[in-house]
Amino acid sequence: MSKDLGKINNDKITKQKKKLDSLYTIYSIFKEQNNTEKTTVLETQLRSEDQELRKMNEYFSKEVSQQVWNRLNQYIKEYGEANQYKIILGTQGNGNIMFAQDGIDITETVLEYANTKYEGN
């Protein structure tokens, strides 16, 4: 899920960067021509598009990450209930393990379960 969302979001960010680059190229041309009227308009548009790019980066780094963790936490809860575990620690993305019996590590099994539950597979 993280990879799928990352690809979708990277595509959107790349499009926004290309748009910003194109505007900057046009801006540079008008600047060379000393066309202050058009450069003033483009400066405003460039600031707006740059702000949009920053918002996209912030959203994708925070919100999408939270979506992934919310989904993963649900999978871990389902896995724990289905397998009658009394506790599974570290499901909030911090990976803390407070106690585990020697020799018990279900990390790979849980990851396999979560990956099979994700409908992108």
Protein backbone atom coordinates (compact mmCIF):
# COMPACT_ATOMS: atom_id res chain seq x y z
CA MET A 1 0.00 0.00 0.00
CA SER A 2 2.81 2.36 0.88
CA LYS A 3 4.52 1.71 -2.45
CA ASP A 4 1.27 2.11 -4.41
CA LEU A 5 0.36 5.39 -2.73
CA GLY A 6 3.94 6.61 -3.10
CA LYS A 7 3.85 6.01 -6.86
CA ILE A 8 0.51 7.77 -7.26
CA ASN A 9 1.66 10.71 -5.19
CA ASN A 10 5.06 10.95 -6.87
CA ASP A 11 3.29 11.14 -10.22
CA LYS A 12 1.16 14.05 -8.97
CA ILE A 13 4.17 15.84 -7.51
CA THR A 14 6.15 15.34 -10.73
CA LYS A 15 3.31 16.90 -12.76
CA GLN A 16 3.21 19.87 -10.40
CA LYS A 17 6.99 20.30 -10.66
CA LYS A 18 6.79 20.24 -14.46
CA LYS A 19 4.04 22.85 -14.37
CA LEU A 20 6.16 25.04 -12.11
CA ASP A 21 9.22 24.58 -14.34
CA SER A 22 7.21 25.56 -17.43
CA LEU A 23 5.90 28.68 -15.74
CA TYR A 24 9.42 29.61 -14.68
CA THR A 25 10.68 29.19 -18.25
CA ILE A 26 7.93 31.49 -19.53
CA TYR A 27 8.67 33.91 -16.71
CA SER A 28 12.37 33.98 -17.67
CA ILE A 29 11.50 34.79 -21.28
CA PHE A 30 9.27 37.70 -20.29
CA LYS A 31 11.89 38.90 -17.82
CA GLU A 32 14.52 39.00 -20.60
CA GLN A 33 12.07 40.98 -22.72
CA ASN A 34 11.53 43.44 -19.85
CA ASN A 35 7.79 42.77 -19.96
CA THR A 36 7.03 43.84 -16.39
CA GLU A 37 3.27 43.45 -16.76
CA LYS A 38 3.50 39.77 -17.63
CA THR A 39 6.36 39.05 -15.23
CA THR A 40 4.30 40.49 -12.36
CA VAL A 41 1.37 38.23 -13.25
CA LEU A 42 3.66 35.21 -13.58
CA GLU A 43 5.41 35.96 -10.28
CA THR A 44 2.05 35.72 -8.54
CA GLN A 45 1.22 32.51 -10.36
CA LEU A 46 4.66 31.05 -9.60
CA ARG A 47 4.23 31.75 -5.89
CA SER A 48 0.80 30.15 -5.96
CA GLU A 49 2.00 27.02 -7.79
CA ASP A 50 5.04 26.74 -5.51
CA GLN A 51 2.72 26.94 -2.50
CA GLU A 52 0.58 24.18 -4.04
CA LEU A 53 3.67 21.99 -4.49
CA ARG A 54 4.63 22.51 -0.84
CA LYS A 55 1.10 21.60 0.27
CA MET A 56 1.19 18.44 -1.84
CA ASN A 57 4.53 17.38 -0.37
CA GLU A 58 3.30 17.99 3.16
CA TYR A 59 0.03 16.14 2.58
CA PHE A 60 1.71 13.15 1.00
CA SER A 61 4.35 12.88 3.69
CA LYS A 62 1.91 13.15 6.62
CA GLU A 63 -1.59 12.14 5.58
CA VAL A 64 -0.67 9.24 3.33
CA SER A 65 1.68 7.85 5.94
CA GLN A 66 -1.14 8.03 8.47
CA GLN A 67 -3.47 6.18 6.06
CA VAL A 68 -0.92 3.39 5.74
CA TRP A 69 -0.52 3.08 9.51
CA ASN A 70 -4.28 3.12 10.08
CA ARG A 71 -4.70 0.27 7.60
CA LEU A 72 -1.77 -1.67 9.01
CA ASN A 73 -3.08 -1.28 12.56
CA GLN A 74 -6.43 -2.72 11.46
CA TYR A 75 -4.68 -5.70 9.85
CA ILE A 76 -2.63 -6.30 12.98
CA LYS A 77 -5.76 -6.16 15.12
CA GLU A 78 -7.50 -8.68 12.84
CA TYR A 79 -4.45 -10.92 12.87
CA GLY A 80 -4.21 -10.82 16.65
CA GLU A 81 -7.89 -11.64 17.09
CA ALA A 82 -7.83 -14.44 14.50
CA ASN A 83 -4.77 -16.02 16.11
CA GLN A 84 -5.92 -15.42 19.70
CA TYR A 85 -2.90 -13.33 20.73
CA LYS A 86 -3.38 -11.47 23.98
CA ILE A 87 -1.12 -8.59 22.98
CA ILE A 88 0.88 -7.31 20.04
CA LEU A 89 2.98 -4.27 20.78
CA GLY A 90 4.30 -1.54 18.51
CA THR A 91 1.32 -1.12 16.17
CA GLN A 92 1.46 2.67 16.07
CA GLY A 93 4.46 2.82 13.78
CA ASN A 94 7.07 3.18 16.51
CA GLY A 95 8.06 -0.50 16.61
CA ASN A 96 8.48 -0.67 20.40
CA ILE A 97 8.41 -4.13 21.88
CA MET A 98 7.97 -4.10 25.62
CA PHE A 99 8.10 -7.86 26.22
CA ALA A 100 8.28 -11.04 24.17
CA GLN A 101 9.05 -14.63 25.07
CA ASP A 102 12.41 -15.80 23.81
CA GLY A 103 12.21 -17.20 20.30
CA ILE A 104 8.89 -15.55 19.37
CA ASP A 105 9.02 -13.15 16.46
CA ILE A 106 5.92 -12.96 14.27
CA THR A 107 7.01 -9.89 12.29
CA GLU A 108 7.36 -11.71 8.96
CA THR A 109 4.08 -13.58 9.41
CA VAL A 110 2.19 -10.37 10.24
CA LEU A 111 3.73 -8.54 7.27
CA GLU A 112 2.78 -11.39 4.94
CA TYR A 113 -0.77 -11.30 6.31
CA ALA A 114 -1.05 -7.51 5.87
CA ASN A 115 0.32 -7.72 2.34
CA THR A 116 -2.21 -10.42 1.38
CA LYS A 117 -5.06 -8.35 2.89
CA TYR A 118 -4.10 -5.24 0.90
CA GLU A 119 -6.29 -5.21 -2.20
CA GLY A 120 -3.43 -3.89 -4.39
CA ASN A 121 -2.07 -7.46 -4.55
